Amino acid sequence: MLHLTLRQLKVFESVARHLSFSRAAEDLHLTQPAVSMQIKQLEDTVELPLFEQMGKKIYLTDAGRELYHYSRAISQQLSDMELALDELKGLERGRLNISVVSTANYFAPHLLAKFCQRYPDITVSLNVSNRETVLKQLSDNVIDLAIMGQPPEDLDIAAESFMENPLVVIAAPDHPLCRMRRIPVKRLEQETFLVREPGSGTRGAMERFFASHHILLSKGMETDTSEAIKQAVQAGMGLGITSLHTVELELETKRLKILDVEDFPIMRYWHIVHRKHKRLSSVAQVFKEFLLKEARGLMSHNRATEAEA
């Protein structure tokens, strides 16, 4: 019988998932030598190499792939056990692991704060990443729930919309188009647009919109954050398309303006998503219901309160 420890399996699974000792160490809050030692002990136990190195990259061996398959199954069983025990404790205690795409970070903390006020003994772990990372976390089943815009079609997930997500065209206040009303969409061909990275939900929606209107987009700077786009637009480097939720402060302080363009805003929706056959904990289920029932009203109330202030 193999004498493996849960710690060794946890370290191995992280290295196998990231294919990186340094990223696994960061993920587990360990030193890289500690991670390497755990893997070495595990390889000694199974008497087979689990990784092979080619250049600067590491890859799973056949034995590593087999062990990764079973280690994920063991992790899922342990997770299910933890859920069952948490449900016996009720909602007084529990943990929620949630990831949000970076654009949603402008409102998600407000909603989580309201939820935590209602359930003060629940521990929340919030991860903010780009869309591709959140999708990988869903695929790897390492989170309970995710908040994103357009849900993927190639993953076996359940998705429900809970709030509108209008995409608007933003410009610096002194931009000539700020003085125009009902700007024809075709007029935007003459402008340079600052865009999100490939794979971003906002960029995908923008490209589909312009393609449907047969407009050739002139792209300027490309960045992986909405914050960088806002700063660049303020600096006069071009126009941007972003979620209305990301620019509320800049609109209030008059550092940005929304252009009045025909067929805008592009109306999208925020979704709460999870693996379709995942057994949600009572905490995750209650948070999901909280979003579906109360998110829209809470955010509208926040905007009204800020406007009065």
C-alpha atoms as a PDB file:
ATOM      1  CA  MET A   1       0.000   0.000   0.000  1.00  0.00           C
ATOM      2  CA  LEU A   2       1.218   3.483  -0.882  1.00  0.00           C
ATOM      3  CA  HIS A   3       1.692   5.778   2.103  1.00  0.00           C
ATOM      4  CA  LEU A   4       0.761   9.165   0.638  1.00  0.00           C
ATOM      5  CA  THR A   5      -0.195  12.212   2.655  1.00  0.00           C
ATOM      6  CA  LEU A   6      -2.976  14.644   1.807  1.00  0.00           C
ATOM      7  CA  ARG A   7      -0.415  17.437   1.949  1.00  0.00           C
ATOM      8  CA  GLN A   8       1.713  15.733  -0.718  1.00  0.00           C
ATOM      9  CA  LEU A   9      -1.335  15.262  -2.950  1.00  0.00           C
ATOM     10  CA  LYS A  10      -2.379  18.889  -2.484  1.00  0.00           C
ATOM     11  CA  VAL A  11       1.097  20.125  -3.418  1.00  0.00           C
ATOM     12  CA  PHE A  12       1.279  17.745  -6.374  1.00  0.00           C
ATOM     13  CA  GLU A  13      -2.132  18.803  -7.668  1.00  0.00           C
ATOM     14  CA  SER A  14      -1.154  22.481  -7.559  1.00  0.00           C
ATOM     15  CA  VAL A  15       2.144  21.871  -9.402  1.00  0.00           C
ATOM     16  CA  ALA A  16       0.330  19.703 -11.988  1.00  0.00           C
ATOM     17  CA  ARG A  17      -2.384  22.317 -12.479  1.00  0.00           C
ATOM     18  CA  HIS A  18       0.039  25.214 -12.951  1.00  0.00           C
ATOM     19  CA  LEU A  19       2.900  23.168 -14.443  1.00  0.00           C
ATOM     20  CA  SER A  20       5.110  25.399 -12.353  1.00  0.00           C
ATOM     21  CA  PHE A  21       6.815  24.901  -8.980  1.00  0.00           C
ATOM     22  CA  SER A  22       7.010  28.650  -8.333  1.00  0.00           C
ATOM     23  CA  ARG A  23       3.324  29.279  -9.081  1.00  0.00           C
ATOM     24  CA  ALA A  24       2.341  26.311  -6.922  1.00  0.00           C
ATOM     25  CA  ALA A  25       4.449  27.709  -4.080  1.00  0.00           C
ATOM     26  CA  GLU A  26       2.697  31.056  -4.448  1.00  0.00           C
ATOM     27  CA  ASP A  27      -0.710  29.363  -4.620  1.00  0.00           C
ATOM     28  CA  LEU A  28      -0.064  27.344  -1.443  1.00  0.00           C
ATOM     29  CA  HIS A  29       1.865  30.076   0.422  1.00  0.00           C
ATOM     30  CA  LEU A  30       4.941  27.848   0.644  1.00  0.00           C
ATOM     31  CA  THR A  31       8.561  28.291  -0.354  1.00  0.00           C
ATOM     32  CA  GLN A  32       9.649  26.723  -3.637  1.00  0.00           C
ATOM     33  CA  PRO A  33      12.131  24.373  -1.867  1.00  0.00           C
ATOM     34  CA  ALA A  34       9.269  23.139   0.346  1.00  0.00           C
ATOM     35  CA  VAL A  35       7.200  22.357  -2.758  1.00  0.00           C
ATOM     36  CA  SER A  36      10.130  20.596  -4.417  1.00  0.00           C
ATOM     37  CA  MET A  37      10.734  18.511  -1.279  1.00  0.00           C
ATOM     38  CA  GLN A  38       7.087  17.358  -1.152  1.00  0.00           C
ATOM     39  CA  ILE A  39       7.211  16.318  -4.817  1.00  0.00           C
ATOM     40  CA  LYS A  40      10.513  14.494  -4.294  1.00  0.00           C
ATOM     41  CA  GLN A  41       9.051  12.570  -1.341  1.00  0.00           C
ATOM     42  CA  LEU A  42       5.982  11.695  -3.397  1.00  0.00           C
ATOM     43  CA  GLU A  43       8.105  10.441  -6.315  1.00  0.00           C
ATOM     44  CA  ASP A  44      10.145   8.339  -3.870  1.00  0.00           C
ATOM     45  CA  THR A  45       6.919   6.835  -2.523  1.00  0.00           C
ATOM     46  CA  VAL A  46       5.421   5.914  -5.915  1.00  0.00           C
ATOM     47  CA  GLU A  47       8.878   4.980  -7.267  1.00  0.00           C
ATOM     48  CA  LEU A  48       8.170   6.789 -10.544  1.00  0.00           C
ATOM     49  CA  PRO A  49       8.994  10.256 -11.892  1.00  0.00           C
ATOM     50  CA  LEU A  50       5.908  12.489 -11.973  1.00  0.00           C
ATOM     51  CA  PHE A  51       7.376  15.420 -13.926  1.00  0.00           C
ATOM     52  CA  GLU A  52       9.967  15.861 -16.617  1.00  0.00           C
ATOM     53  CA  GLN A  53      11.737  19.075 -17.510  1.00  0.00           C
ATOM     54  CA  MET A  54      12.336  20.271 -21.066  1.00  0.00           C
ATOM     55  CA  GLY A  55      14.150  23.557 -21.180  1.00  0.00           C
ATOM     56  CA  LYS A  56      12.508  25.886 -18.692  1.00  0.00           C
ATOM     57  CA  LYS A  57       9.140  24.082 -18.751  1.00  0.00           C
ATOM     58  CA  ILE A  58       7.946  21.035 -16.847  1.00  0.00           C
ATOM     59  CA  TYR A  59       5.486  18.426 -18.089  1.00  0.00           C
ATOM     60  CA  LEU A  60       3.571  15.571 -16.476  1.00  0.00           C
ATOM     61  CA  THR A  61       4.873  12.080 -17.151  1.00  0.00           C
ATOM     62  CA  ASP A  62       2.456   9.200 -17.804  1.00  0.00           C
ATOM     63  CA  ALA A  63       2.599   8.403 -14.084  1.00  0.00           C
ATOM     64  CA  GLY A  64       2.022  12.071 -13.291  1.00  0.00           C
ATOM     65  CA  ARG A  65      -1.079  12.196 -15.476  1.00  0.00           C
ATOM     66  CA  GLU A  66      -2.493   9.097 -13.784  1.00  0.00           C
ATOM     67  CA  LEU A  67      -1.830  10.487 -10.320  1.00  0.00           C
ATOM     68  CA  TYR A  68      -3.300  13.880 -11.299  1.00  0.00           C
ATOM     69  CA  HIS A  69      -6.528  12.173 -12.386  1.00  0.00           C
ATOM     70  CA  TYR A  70      -6.904  10.366  -9.061  1.00  0.00           C
ATOM     71  CA  SER A  71      -5.716  13.279  -6.926  1.00  0.00           C
ATOM     72  CA  ARG A  72      -8.445  15.493  -8.404  1.00  0.00           C
ATOM     73  CA  ALA A  73     -11.035  12.829  -7.623  1.00  0.00           C
ATOM     74  CA  ILE A  74      -9.749  12.614  -4.037  1.00  0.00           C
ATOM     75  CA  SER A  75      -9.845  16.414  -3.707  1.00  0.00           C
ATOM     76  CA  GLN A  76     -13.443  16.448  -4.918  1.00  0.00           C
ATOM     77  CA  GLN A  77     -14.394  13.773  -2.378  1.00  0.00           C
ATOM     78  CA  LEU A  78     -12.763  15.775   0.405  1.00  0.00           C
ATOM     79  CA  SER A  79     -14.537  18.916  -0.789  1.00  0.00           C
ATOM     80  CA  ASP A  80     -17.889  17.096  -0.756  1.00  0.00           C
ATOM     81  CA  MET A  81     -17.162  15.879   2.772  1.00  0.00           C
ATOM     82  CA  GLU A  82     -16.367  19.432   3.860  1.00  0.00           C
ATOM     83  CA  LEU A  83     -19.631  20.651   2.317  1.00  0.00           C
ATOM     84  CA  ALA A  84     -21.621  17.979   4.122  1.00  0.00           C
ATOM     85  CA  LEU A  85     -20.039  18.931   7.451  1.00  0.00           C
ATOM     86  CA  ASP A  86     -20.610  22.647   6.814  1.00  0.00           C
ATOM     87  CA  GLU A  87     -24.277  21.976   6.071  1.00  0.00           C
ATOM     88  CA  LEU A  88     -24.604  20.242   9.436  1.00  0.00           C
ATOM     89  CA  LYS A  89     -23.265  23.424  11.039  1.00  0.00           C
ATOM     90  CA  GLY A  90     -25.818  25.532   9.157  1.00  0.00           C
ATOM     91  CA  LEU A  91     -25.231  29.031   7.777  1.00  0.00           C
ATOM     92  CA  GLU A  92     -23.678  30.268  11.009  1.00  0.00           C
ATOM     93  CA  ARG A  93     -20.326  29.100   9.649  1.00  0.00           C
ATOM     94  CA  GLY A  94     -18.929  28.206   6.273  1.00  0.00           C
ATOM     95  CA  ARG A  95     -16.695  29.359   3.445  1.00  0.00           C
ATOM     96  CA  LEU A  96     -17.406  30.840   0.026  1.00  0.00           C
ATOM     97  CA  ASN A  97     -14.779  30.711  -2.734  1.00  0.00           C
ATOM     98  CA  ILE A  98     -15.722  33.085  -5.530  1.00  0.00           C
ATOM     99  CA  SER A  99     -13.889  34.503  -8.550  1.00  0.00           C
ATOM    100  CA  VAL A 100     -14.909  37.546 -10.567  1.00  0.00           C
ATOM    101  CA  VAL A 101     -13.627  38.921 -13.847  1.00  0.00           C
ATOM    102  CA  SER A 102     -11.675  42.138 -13.356  1.00  0.00           C
ATOM    103  CA  THR A 103     -14.462  44.397 -14.670  1.00  0.00           C
ATOM    104  CA  ALA A 104     -16.877  43.015 -12.058  1.00  0.00           C
ATOM    105  CA  ASN A 105     -14.488  44.072  -9.299  1.00  0.00           C
ATOM    106  CA  TYR A 106     -16.046  47.556  -9.464  1.00  0.00           C
ATOM    107  CA  PHE A 107     -19.280  46.297  -7.896  1.00  0.00           C
ATOM    108  CA  ALA A 108     -18.683  42.767  -6.537  1.00  0.00           C
ATOM    109  CA  PRO A 109     -17.059  43.922  -3.239  1.00  0.00           C
ATOM    110  CA  HIS A 110     -20.150  46.057  -2.482  1.00  0.00           C
ATOM    111  CA  LEU A 111     -22.424  43.038  -2.917  1.00  0.00           C
ATOM    112  CA  LEU A 112     -20.132  40.793  -0.882  1.00  0.00           C
ATOM    113  CA  ALA A 113     -20.049  43.404   1.893  1.00  0.00           C
ATOM    114  CA  LYS A 114     -23.851  43.375   2.090  1.00  0.00           C
ATOM    115  CA  PHE A 115     -23.863  39.569   2.129  1.00  0.00           C
ATOM    116  CA  CYS A 116     -21.225  39.414   4.881  1.00  0.00           C
ATOM    117  CA  GLN A 117     -23.162  41.927   6.979  1.00  0.00           C
ATOM    118  CA  ARG A 118     -26.098  39.558   6.848  1.00  0.00           C
ATOM    119  CA  TYR A 119     -23.965  36.460   7.532  1.00  0.00           C
ATOM    120  CA  PRO A 120     -20.998  37.779   9.574  1.00  0.00           C
ATOM    121  CA  ASP A 121     -19.468  34.388  10.426  1.00  0.00           C
ATOM    122  CA  ILE A 122     -19.084  33.247   6.818  1.00  0.00           C
ATOM    123  CA  THR A 123     -15.545  33.459   5.430  1.00  0.00           C
ATOM    124  CA  VAL A 124     -15.327  34.761   1.857  1.00  0.00           C
ATOM    125  CA  SER A 125     -12.364  34.225  -0.457  1.00  0.00           C
ATOM    126  CA  LEU A 126     -12.525  36.624  -3.426  1.00  0.00           C
ATOM    127  CA  ASN A 127     -10.251  36.202  -6.450  1.00  0.00           C
ATOM    128  CA  VAL A 128     -10.138  38.852  -9.191  1.00  0.00           C
ATOM    129  CA  SER A 129      -8.727  37.643 -12.518  1.00  0.00           C
ATOM    130  CA  ASN A 130      -9.135  37.999 -16.249  1.00  0.00           C
ATOM    131  CA  ARG A 131     -11.770  35.958 -18.050  1.00  0.00           C
ATOM    132  CA  GLU A 132      -9.424  33.165 -19.159  1.00  0.00           C
ATOM    133  CA  THR A 133      -8.164  32.564 -15.606  1.00  0.00           C
ATOM    134  CA  VAL A 134     -11.705  32.481 -14.196  1.00  0.00           C
ATOM    135  CA  LEU A 135     -12.731  29.965 -16.868  1.00  0.00           C
ATOM    136  CA  LYS A 136      -9.750  27.775 -15.969  1.00  0.00           C
ATOM    137  CA  GLN A 137     -10.706  27.949 -12.293  1.00  0.00           C
ATOM    138  CA  LEU A 138     -14.214  26.798 -13.230  1.00  0.00           C
ATOM    139  CA  SER A 139     -12.808  24.018 -15.397  1.00  0.00           C
ATOM    140  CA  ASP A 140     -10.456  22.894 -12.597  1.00  0.00           C
ATOM    141  CA  ASN A 141     -13.331  23.052 -10.081  1.00  0.00           C
ATOM    142  CA  VAL A 142     -11.305  25.117  -7.605  1.00  0.00           C
ATOM    143  CA  ILE A 143     -14.025  27.748  -6.954  1.00  0.00           C
ATOM    144  CA  ASP A 144     -17.659  27.607  -5.883  1.00  0.00           C
ATOM    145  CA  LEU A 145     -19.033  30.400  -8.045  1.00  0.00           C
ATOM    146  CA  ALA A 146     -17.899  32.983 -10.576  1.00  0.00           C
ATOM    147  CA  ILE A 147     -19.241  36.325 -11.747  1.00  0.00           C
ATOM    148  CA  MET A 148     -18.679  37.184 -15.395  1.00  0.00           C
ATOM    149  CA  GLY A 149     -20.315  38.726 -18.430  1.00  0.00           C
ATOM    150  CA  GLN A 150     -20.938  36.382 -21.350  1.00  0.00           C
ATOM    151  CA  PRO A 151     -20.779  32.780 -20.067  1.00  0.00           C
ATOM    152  CA  PRO A 152     -18.765  30.298 -22.172  1.00  0.00           C
ATOM    153  CA  GLU A 153     -20.548  27.891 -24.473  1.00  0.00           C
ATOM    154  CA  ASP A 154     -17.884  25.172 -24.430  1.00  0.00           C
ATOM    155  CA  LEU A 155     -17.964  24.464 -20.679  1.00  0.00           C
ATOM    156  CA  ASP A 156     -20.573  22.367 -18.910  1.00  0.00           C
ATOM    157  CA  ILE A 157     -21.775  25.168 -16.635  1.00  0.00           C
ATOM    158  CA  ALA A 158     -24.979  26.623 -15.224  1.00  0.00           C
ATOM    159  CA  ALA A 159     -25.354  30.395 -15.674  1.00  0.00           C
ATOM    160  CA  GLU A 160     -28.050  32.840 -14.596  1.00  0.00           C
ATOM    161  CA  SER A 161     -28.128  36.583 -15.250  1.00  0.00           C
ATOM    162  CA  PHE A 162     -28.648  38.857 -12.246  1.00  0.00           C
ATOM    163  CA  MET A 163     -27.939  42.419 -13.435  1.00  0.00           C
ATOM    164  CA  GLU A 164     -27.627  44.491 -16.600  1.00  0.00           C
ATOM    165  CA  ASN A 165     -24.124  45.302 -17.842  1.00  0.00           C
ATOM    166  CA  PRO A 166     -24.332  48.150 -20.394  1.00  0.00           C
ATOM    167  CA  LEU A 167     -21.199  48.825 -22.451  1.00  0.00           C
ATOM    168  CA  VAL A 168     -20.697  52.492 -23.310  1.00  0.00           C
ATOM    169  CA  VAL A 169     -18.312  54.559 -25.434  1.00  0.00           C
ATOM    170  CA  ILE A 170     -16.142  56.820 -23.269  1.00  0.00           C
ATOM    171  CA  ALA A 171     -14.079  59.862 -24.224  1.00  0.00           C
ATOM    172  CA  ALA A 172     -12.045  62.623 -22.595  1.00  0.00           C
ATOM    173  CA  PRO A 173     -14.299  65.635 -21.779  1.00  0.00           C
ATOM    174  CA  ASP A 174     -12.565  67.826 -24.377  1.00  0.00           C
ATOM    175  CA  HIS A 175     -12.991  65.320 -27.232  1.00  0.00           C
ATOM    176  CA  PRO A 176     -14.828  66.905 -30.226  1.00  0.00           C
ATOM    177  CA  LEU A 177     -17.442  64.105 -30.296  1.00  0.00           C
ATOM    178  CA  CYS A 178     -18.609  65.110 -26.796  1.00  0.00           C
ATOM    179  CA  ARG A 179     -20.403  68.056 -28.395  1.00  0.00           C
ATOM    180  CA  MET A 180     -22.353  65.841 -30.815  1.00  0.00           C
ATOM    181  CA  ARG A 181     -25.681  64.056 -30.338  1.00  0.00           C
ATOM    182  CA  ARG A 182     -26.827  60.814 -31.985  1.00  0.00           C
ATOM    183  CA  ILE A 183     -23.391  60.143 -33.437  1.00  0.00           C
ATOM    184  CA  PRO A 184     -23.654  57.671 -36.361  1.00  0.00           C
ATOM    185  CA  VAL A 185     -21.881  54.389 -35.618  1.00  0.00           C
ATOM    186  CA  LYS A 186     -20.040  54.723 -38.948  1.00  0.00           C
ATOM    187  CA  ARG A 187     -18.392  57.903 -37.634  1.00  0.00           C
ATOM    188  CA  LEU A 188     -16.424  55.777 -35.128  1.00  0.00           C
ATOM    189  CA  GLU A 189     -14.320  54.383 -37.991  1.00  0.00           C
ATOM    190  CA  GLN A 190     -12.396  57.658 -37.876  1.00  0.00           C
ATOM    191  CA  GLU A 191     -11.400  57.165 -34.231  1.00  0.00           C
ATOM    192  CA  THR A 192      -8.727  55.112 -32.489  1.00  0.00           C
ATOM    193  CA  PHE A 193      -9.978  52.723 -29.815  1.00  0.00           C
ATOM    194  CA  LEU A 194      -8.092  51.535 -26.747  1.00  0.00           C
ATOM    195  CA  VAL A 195      -8.984  47.872 -26.282  1.00  0.00           C
ATOM    196  CA  ARG A 196      -8.861  45.047 -23.765  1.00  0.00           C
ATOM    197  CA  GLU A 197      -6.723  41.957 -24.324  1.00  0.00           C
ATOM    198  CA  PRO A 198      -7.839  39.100 -26.636  1.00  0.00           C
ATOM    199  CA  GLY A 199     -10.175  36.775 -24.743  1.00  0.00           C
ATOM    200  CA  SER A 200     -11.713  39.612 -22.717  1.00  0.00           C
ATOM    201  CA  GLY A 201     -15.519  39.545 -22.648  1.00  0.00           C
ATOM    202  CA  THR A 202     -15.688  43.308 -23.242  1.00  0.00           C
ATOM    203  CA  ARG A 203     -13.420  43.083 -26.269  1.00  0.00           C
ATOM    204  CA  GLY A 204     -15.394  40.160 -27.690  1.00  0.00           C
ATOM    205  CA  ALA A 205     -18.680  42.075 -27.367  1.00  0.00           C
ATOM    206  CA  MET A 206     -17.126  45.174 -28.941  1.00  0.00           C
ATOM    207  CA  GLU A 207     -15.704  43.248 -31.903  1.00  0.00           C
ATOM    208  CA  ARG A 208     -19.014  41.430 -32.515  1.00  0.00           C
ATOM    209  CA  PHE A 209     -20.881  44.745 -32.426  1.00  0.00           C
ATOM    210  CA  PHE A 210     -18.614  46.468 -34.959  1.00  0.00           C
ATOM    211  CA  ALA A 211     -18.541  43.397 -37.207  1.00  0.00           C
ATOM    212  CA  SER A 212     -22.360  43.335 -37.274  1.00  0.00           C
ATOM    213  CA  HIS A 213     -22.317  46.995 -38.360  1.00  0.00           C
ATOM    214  CA  HIS A 214     -19.576  46.325 -40.974  1.00  0.00           C
ATOM    215  CA  ILE A 215     -17.220  48.779 -39.300  1.00  0.00           C
ATOM    216  CA  LEU A 216     -13.441  48.391 -39.413  1.00  0.00           C
ATOM    217  CA  LEU A 217     -12.084  49.188 -35.975  1.00  0.00           C
ATOM    218  CA  SER A 218      -8.849  51.157 -35.604  1.00  0.00           C
ATOM    219  CA  LYS A 219      -7.115  49.742 -32.512  1.00  0.00           C
ATOM    220  CA  GLY A 220      -4.570  51.663 -30.499  1.00  0.00           C
ATOM    221  CA  MET A 221      -3.148  50.543 -27.175  1.00  0.00           C
ATOM    222  CA  GLU A 222      -4.083  47.094 -25.883  1.00  0.00           C
ATOM    223  CA  THR A 223      -4.237  46.451 -22.130  1.00  0.00           C
ATOM    224  CA  ASP A 224      -5.525  43.848 -19.695  1.00  0.00           C
ATOM    225  CA  THR A 225      -7.325  46.224 -17.313  1.00  0.00           C
ATOM    226  CA  SER A 226     -10.263  48.614 -17.584  1.00  0.00           C
ATOM    227  CA  GLU A 227      -8.376  50.979 -15.289  1.00  0.00           C
ATOM    228  CA  ALA A 228      -5.578  51.417 -17.855  1.00  0.00           C
ATOM    229  CA  ILE A 229      -8.132  52.080 -20.599  1.00  0.00           C
ATOM    230  CA  LYS A 230      -9.803  54.781 -18.503  1.00  0.00           C
ATOM    231  CA  GLN A 231      -6.466  56.464 -17.786  1.00  0.00           C
ATOM    232  CA  ALA A 232      -5.441  56.359 -21.449  1.00  0.00           C
ATOM    233  CA  VAL A 233      -8.799  57.788 -22.580  1.00  0.00           C
ATOM    234  CA  GLN A 234      -8.451  60.610 -20.038  1.00  0.00           C
ATOM    235  CA  ALA A 235      -4.983  61.305 -21.454  1.00  0.00           C
ATOM    236  CA  GLY A 236      -6.489  61.741 -24.945  1.00  0.00           C
ATOM    237  CA  MET A 237      -5.012  58.599 -26.504  1.00  0.00           C
ATOM    238  CA  GLY A 238      -8.339  57.562 -28.028  1.00  0.00           C
ATOM    239  CA  LEU A 239     -11.813  56.301 -27.214  1.00  0.00           C
ATOM    240  CA  GLY A 240     -12.756  53.286 -25.143  1.00  0.00           C
ATOM    241  CA  ILE A 241     -15.662  50.902 -24.705  1.00  0.00           C
ATOM    242  CA  THR A 242     -16.225  49.675 -21.186  1.00  0.00           C
ATOM    243  CA  SER A 243     -18.888  48.640 -18.707  1.00  0.00           C
ATOM    244  CA  LEU A 244     -20.853  51.515 -17.237  1.00  0.00           C
ATOM    245  CA  HIS A 245     -20.110  50.072 -13.790  1.00  0.00           C
ATOM    246  CA  THR A 246     -16.390  50.807 -14.229  1.00  0.00           C
ATOM    247  CA  VAL A 247     -16.705  54.548 -14.941  1.00  0.00           C
ATOM    248  CA  GLU A 248     -19.280  55.807 -12.434  1.00  0.00           C
ATOM    249  CA  LEU A 249     -16.655  57.657 -10.352  1.00  0.00           C
ATOM    250  CA  GLU A 250     -15.036  59.272 -13.431  1.00  0.00           C
ATOM    251  CA  LEU A 251     -18.445  60.406 -14.719  1.00  0.00           C
ATOM    252  CA  GLU A 252     -19.290  61.901 -11.339  1.00  0.00           C
ATOM    253  CA  THR A 253     -15.986  63.820 -11.194  1.00  0.00           C
ATOM    254  CA  LYS A 254     -16.305  64.795 -14.883  1.00  0.00           C
ATOM    255  CA  ARG A 255     -13.001  63.167 -15.867  1.00  0.00           C
ATOM    256  CA  LEU A 256     -14.744  61.134 -18.574  1.00  0.00           C
ATOM    257  CA  LYS A 257     -17.876  61.466 -20.665  1.00  0.00           C
ATOM    258  CA  ILE A 258     -20.145  58.923 -22.332  1.00  0.00           C
ATOM    259  CA  LEU A 259     -20.636  59.565 -26.037  1.00  0.00           C
ATOM    260  CA  ASP A 260     -24.172  59.599 -27.446  1.00  0.00           C
ATOM    261  CA  VAL A 261     -23.661  57.002 -30.186  1.00  0.00           C
ATOM    262  CA  GLU A 262     -26.432  55.309 -32.163  1.00  0.00           C
ATOM    263  CA  ASP A 263     -27.176  51.714 -31.070  1.00  0.00           C
ATOM    264  CA  PHE A 264     -25.310  52.207 -27.796  1.00  0.00           C
ATOM    265  CA  PRO A 265     -25.137  51.087 -25.087  1.00  0.00           C
ATOM    266  CA  ILE A 266     -24.421  47.469 -26.003  1.00  0.00           C
ATOM    267  CA  MET A 267     -26.649  45.725 -23.496  1.00  0.00           C
ATOM    268  CA  ARG A 268     -25.047  42.727 -21.840  1.00  0.00           C
ATOM    269  CA  TYR A 269     -25.707  41.027 -18.521  1.00  0.00           C
ATOM    270  CA  TRP A 270     -23.747  39.895 -15.498  1.00  0.00           C
ATOM    271  CA  HIS A 271     -24.046  36.181 -14.743  1.00  0.00           C
ATOM    272  CA  ILE A 272     -23.455  34.011 -11.704  1.00  0.00           C
ATOM    273  CA  VAL A 273     -21.992  30.719 -12.931  1.00  0.00           C
ATOM    274  CA  HIS A 274     -20.807  27.366 -11.609  1.00  0.00           C
ATOM    275  CA  ARG A 275     -20.105  23.877 -12.878  1.00  0.00           C
ATOM    276  CA  LYS A 276     -23.445  22.362 -13.903  1.00  0.00           C
ATOM    277  CA  HIS A 277     -23.165  19.202 -11.832  1.00  0.00           C
ATOM    278  CA  LYS A 278     -21.291  20.755  -8.921  1.00  0.00           C
ATOM    279  CA  ARG A 279     -22.837  20.241  -5.520  1.00  0.00           C
ATOM    280  CA  LEU A 280     -23.123  23.757  -4.125  1.00  0.00           C
ATOM    281  CA  SER A 281     -22.656  24.278  -0.415  1.00  0.00           C
ATOM    282  CA  SER A 282     -25.518  25.876   1.488  1.00  0.00           C
ATOM    283  CA  VAL A 283     -23.406  29.057   1.689  1.00  0.00           C
ATOM    284  CA  ALA A 284     -22.830  29.150  -2.087  1.00  0.00           C
ATOM    285  CA  GLN A 285     -26.507  28.444  -2.746  1.00  0.00           C
ATOM    286  CA  VAL A 286     -27.643  31.236  -0.440  1.00  0.00           C
ATOM    287  CA  PHE A 287     -25.176  33.704  -2.003  1.00  0.00           C
ATOM    288  CA  LYS A 288     -26.418  32.765  -5.472  1.00  0.00           C
ATOM    289  CA  GLU A 289     -30.029  33.375  -4.423  1.00  0.00           C
ATOM    290  CA  PHE A 290     -28.965  36.644  -2.779  1.00  0.00           C
ATOM    291  CA  LEU A 291     -27.487  37.871  -6.078  1.00  0.00           C
ATOM    292  CA  LEU A 292     -30.457  36.787  -8.182  1.00  0.00           C
ATOM    293  CA  LYS A 293     -32.984  38.462  -5.879  1.00  0.00           C
ATOM    294  CA  GLU A 294     -31.216  41.527  -4.524  1.00  0.00           C
ATOM    295  CA  ALA A 295     -28.160  42.564  -6.573  1.00  0.00           C
ATOM    296  CA  ARG A 296     -29.983  44.834  -9.014  1.00  0.00           C
ATOM    297  CA  GLY A 297     -31.846  46.664  -6.251  1.00  0.00           C
ATOM    298  CA  LEU A 298     -28.786  47.035  -4.016  1.00  0.00           C
ATOM    299  CA  MET A 299     -26.649  48.541  -6.783  1.00  0.00           C
ATOM    300  CA  SER A 300     -29.437  50.937  -7.819  1.00  0.00           C
ATOM    301  CA  HIS A 301     -29.763  52.030  -4.190  1.00  0.00           C
ATOM    302  CA  ASN A 302     -25.991  52.570  -3.911  1.00  0.00           C
ATOM    303  CA  ARG A 303     -25.963  54.778  -7.025  1.00  0.00           C
ATOM    304  CA  ALA A 304     -28.917  56.806  -5.737  1.00  0.00           C
ATOM    305  CA  THR A 305     -27.253  57.282  -2.336  1.00  0.00           C
ATOM    306  CA  GLU A 306     -23.959  58.385  -3.914  1.00  0.00           C
ATOM    307  CA  ALA A 307     -25.798  60.837  -6.199  1.00  0.00           C
ATOM    308  CA  GLU A 308     -27.544  62.444  -3.181  1.00  0.00           C
ATOM    309  CA  ALA A 309     -24.220  62.733  -1.353  1.00  0.00           C
END
